[in-house]
Every structure is written in C-alpha cells, then in structure tokens.
Amino acid sequence: MRKILSLLFLLGFMSSAFADEEFYGKIESMPENSFEGEWVIDGKSYQVTSETEVDEEDGNAKVGACVEVEIDGGEKDAGAVEEIDVKKYSFLCSFYELID
C-alpha cells in the first residue's frame, strides 16, 4: 500500500511540474501590425508566435486590455505562450483570478 501511495504522489508531483501556468495581467505593449512578436504584460516580456492562440471573443487585444495568459509547462514547448484570452472588463483585471 505504501508503494502505491508513493507512486501516486510521485506521479502527481511530476504532472504538476509540467503543468501549464496561467495568469492575468494588462497588456503594456505589443506589436503594431501583427500579434507575432514581443508582448509586455504586467512588466514581463513574452514572445508570441504563430502557434499562439489569441482569443478576442470578449474584446480586442490592445494596450490596456486585461488578458489571461497560458504558458506551456510541458517538455517540448516549455515557456511558450499557448494562448492569450482577452477579458471583457479590463478594470476587473486584478479580480479575474478570484472570480474565474
């Protein structure tokens, strides 16, 4: 029984080590004519590529917009921006993590 519990703990730890990271922040700068390139979100720089999904269903991706950013935690593309999801109400940016 101990071996099984130890194995389950180890598997859980390993999967969380490669889990995606998600956070909310405001866009401070981004490329002008394309989504591809360097974005600054809450003071940190991120490289957005053609592989990044930018979801503008709830608003436009622009400076000042609140976004949810998903970073790949897997082995292959670790650190790559997988998705940027524009949130509807930018003034609620600091609260989205609590209500989402």
Protein backbone atom coordinates (compact mmCIF):
# COMPACT_ATOMS: atom_id res chain seq x y z
CA MET A 1 0.00 0.00 0.00
CA ARG A 2 2.85 2.42 0.81
CA LYS A 3 4.43 1.78 -2.58
CA ILE A 4 1.18 2.58 -4.34
CA LEU A 5 0.71 5.81 -2.38
CA SER A 6 4.32 6.80 -3.01
CA LEU A 7 3.90 6.15 -6.73
CA LEU A 8 0.69 8.21 -6.86
CA PHE A 9 2.39 11.08 -5.03
CA LEU A 10 5.35 10.97 -7.40
CA LEU A 11 3.09 10.94 -10.48
CA GLY A 12 1.10 13.87 -9.11
CA PHE A 13 4.27 15.83 -8.41
CA MET A 14 5.67 15.13 -11.87
CA SER A 15 2.47 16.16 -13.64
CA SER A 16 2.31 19.42 -11.68
CA ALA A 17 5.93 20.15 -12.56
CA PHE A 18 4.95 20.20 -16.23
CA ALA A 19 1.56 21.85 -15.77
CA ASP A 20 0.60 24.92 -17.71
CA GLU A 21 0.90 28.26 -15.95
CA GLU A 22 -2.00 30.71 -16.18
CA PHE A 23 -2.13 34.30 -15.01
CA TYR A 24 -3.98 37.56 -15.59
CA GLY A 25 -2.44 40.88 -16.49
CA LYS A 26 -2.76 44.02 -18.57
CA ILE A 27 -1.11 44.44 -21.95
CA GLU A 28 1.50 47.20 -21.72
CA SER A 29 2.88 46.87 -25.25
CA MET A 30 2.53 44.59 -28.26
CA PRO A 31 3.44 44.59 -31.97
CA GLU A 32 1.51 47.14 -34.03
CA ASN A 33 0.52 45.24 -37.17
CA SER A 34 0.64 41.62 -36.05
CA PHE A 35 0.15 39.52 -32.96
CA GLU A 36 3.54 37.87 -33.53
CA GLY A 37 6.45 39.36 -31.62
CA GLU A 38 7.21 40.71 -28.18
CA TRP A 39 4.34 41.48 -25.82
CA VAL A 40 4.82 43.12 -22.43
CA ILE A 41 2.18 42.04 -19.92
CA ASP A 42 2.42 43.36 -16.36
CA GLY A 43 6.06 44.33 -16.82
CA LYS A 44 7.23 40.97 -18.20
CA SER A 45 8.17 40.25 -21.79
CA TYR A 46 6.64 37.32 -23.71
CA GLN A 47 7.24 36.09 -27.25
CA VAL A 48 4.03 35.42 -29.16
CA THR A 49 4.34 33.22 -32.23
CA SER A 50 2.07 31.96 -34.99
CA GLU A 51 1.37 28.98 -32.71
CA THR A 52 -0.14 31.23 -30.01
CA GLU A 53 -3.93 31.41 -29.98
CA VAL A 54 -5.21 34.96 -29.36
CA ASP A 55 -8.87 34.86 -28.31
CA GLU A 56 -10.62 38.19 -28.90
CA GLU A 57 -14.16 36.94 -28.34
CA ASP A 58 -14.69 39.25 -25.35
CA GLY A 59 -12.65 42.23 -26.56
CA ASN A 60 -9.77 43.44 -28.69
CA ALA A 61 -6.15 42.68 -27.90
CA LYS A 62 -4.75 46.17 -27.35
CA VAL A 63 -2.66 48.11 -24.87
CA GLY A 64 -4.58 48.36 -21.59
CA ALA A 65 -6.67 45.25 -22.15
CA CYS A 66 -6.82 42.60 -19.44
CA VAL A 67 -5.78 39.16 -20.64
CA GLU A 68 -5.46 35.65 -19.32
CA VAL A 69 -2.15 34.19 -20.46
CA GLU A 70 -1.45 30.47 -20.64
CA ILE A 71 2.19 29.37 -20.70
CA ASP A 72 3.11 25.81 -21.74
CA GLY A 73 4.78 23.90 -18.94
CA GLY A 74 5.46 20.77 -20.99
CA GLU A 75 8.81 19.43 -22.05
CA LYS A 76 8.54 20.19 -25.77
CA ASP A 77 7.44 23.85 -25.75
CA ALA A 78 8.13 24.81 -22.14
CA GLY A 79 7.76 28.53 -21.65
CA ALA A 80 5.90 29.12 -24.92
CA VAL A 81 2.79 31.29 -24.82
CA GLU A 82 -0.03 28.91 -25.77
CA GLU A 83 -2.98 31.27 -25.50
CA ILE A 84 -3.87 34.88 -24.77
CA ASP A 85 -7.53 35.34 -23.89
CA VAL A 86 -8.80 38.94 -23.82
CA LYS A 87 -11.17 39.54 -20.92
CA LYS A 88 -14.31 41.64 -21.21
CA TYR A 89 -13.76 44.10 -18.35
CA SER A 90 -10.21 45.42 -18.06
CA PHE A 91 -10.98 47.25 -14.81
CA LEU A 92 -11.57 43.85 -13.13
CA CYS A 93 -8.15 42.51 -14.12
CA SER A 94 -6.86 42.08 -10.59
CA PHE A 95 -10.05 40.24 -9.62
CA TYR A 96 -10.40 37.82 -12.55
CA GLU A 97 -8.25 35.20 -10.86
CA LEU A 98 -10.65 35.22 -7.91
CA ILE A 99 -13.86 35.03 -9.97
CA ASP A 100 -12.82 32.95 -12.96
